[in-house]
Protein backbone atom coordinates (compact mmCIF):
# COMPACT_ATOMS: atom_id res chain seq x y z
CA MET A 1 40.86 -0.23 -21.94
CA LYS A 2 39.16 2.34 -19.88
CA ARG A 3 41.22 5.14 -21.22
CA LEU A 4 40.68 3.98 -24.84
CA CYS A 5 36.95 3.56 -24.34
CA GLY A 6 36.80 7.10 -22.72
CA ASP A 7 38.77 8.54 -25.56
CA ILE A 8 36.44 6.93 -28.23
CA GLU A 9 33.31 8.11 -26.26
CA ARG A 10 34.62 11.66 -25.98
CA GLU A 11 35.46 11.82 -29.80
CA VAL A 12 32.11 10.36 -30.96
CA ASN A 13 30.15 12.46 -28.62
CA GLN A 14 32.00 15.61 -29.68
CA GLU A 15 31.41 14.85 -33.35
CA MET A 16 27.70 14.02 -32.70
CA GLN A 17 27.27 17.37 -30.83
CA LYS A 18 29.01 19.30 -33.68
CA ALA A 19 26.65 17.76 -36.21
CA ASN A 20 23.65 18.58 -33.93
CA TYR A 21 22.73 14.96 -33.48
CA ALA A 22 20.88 14.41 -30.14
CA VAL A 23 22.64 11.04 -29.40
CA SER A 24 25.59 10.01 -27.43
CA LEU A 25 27.80 6.93 -27.13
CA SER A 26 28.19 4.89 -23.86
CA ILE A 27 30.63 1.83 -23.66
CA GLY A 28 30.29 -0.81 -21.00
CA LEU A 29 33.49 -2.43 -19.87
CA VAL A 30 34.05 -5.45 -17.61
CA THR A 31 37.05 -7.56 -16.95
CA TYR A 32 37.23 -11.01 -15.38
CA SER A 33 40.29 -12.62 -13.56
CA LYS A 34 38.97 -15.94 -14.74
CA ALA A 35 36.63 -17.04 -17.53
CA PRO A 36 33.05 -16.13 -16.98
CA ALA A 37 30.35 -18.83 -16.76
CA SER A 38 28.74 -17.68 -20.10
CA VAL A 39 28.53 -15.15 -22.81
CA SER A 40 25.23 -14.27 -21.50
CA GLU A 41 26.89 -13.28 -18.12
CA VAL A 42 29.36 -11.05 -19.93
CA LEU A 43 26.67 -9.34 -22.06
CA HIS A 44 24.60 -8.80 -18.90
CA GLN A 45 27.48 -7.17 -16.87
CA VAL A 46 28.55 -5.00 -19.85
CA ASP A 47 25.03 -3.78 -20.27
CA LEU A 48 24.71 -2.91 -16.52
CA GLU A 49 28.05 -1.09 -16.72
CA MET A 50 26.96 0.88 -19.96
CA TYR A 51 23.69 2.03 -18.34
CA GLN A 52 25.51 3.05 -15.11
CA HIS A 53 27.99 5.03 -17.17
CA LYS A 54 25.19 6.75 -19.04
CA MET A 55 23.45 7.70 -15.90
CA GLU A 56 26.81 9.22 -14.41
CA ILE A 57 27.11 11.25 -17.64
CA LYS A 58 23.53 12.48 -17.43
CA SER A 59 23.96 13.41 -13.67
CA ALA A 60 27.12 15.34 -14.50
CA ARG A 61 25.26 17.37 -17.12
CA ALA A 62 22.47 18.34 -14.78
């Protein structure tokens, strides 16, 4: 999944850059070994991962 998400991000971001759109895509990904307590927990974790990934990308560009 990580590789697939990375491929999707790269492809979308390249196309956005080619079209001169000042946007980028970041995908948050989490896995669980057993069912999480709630959907809210999953969404919260994915959101944290997405923002962490976005910050890593911005740091790499600087």
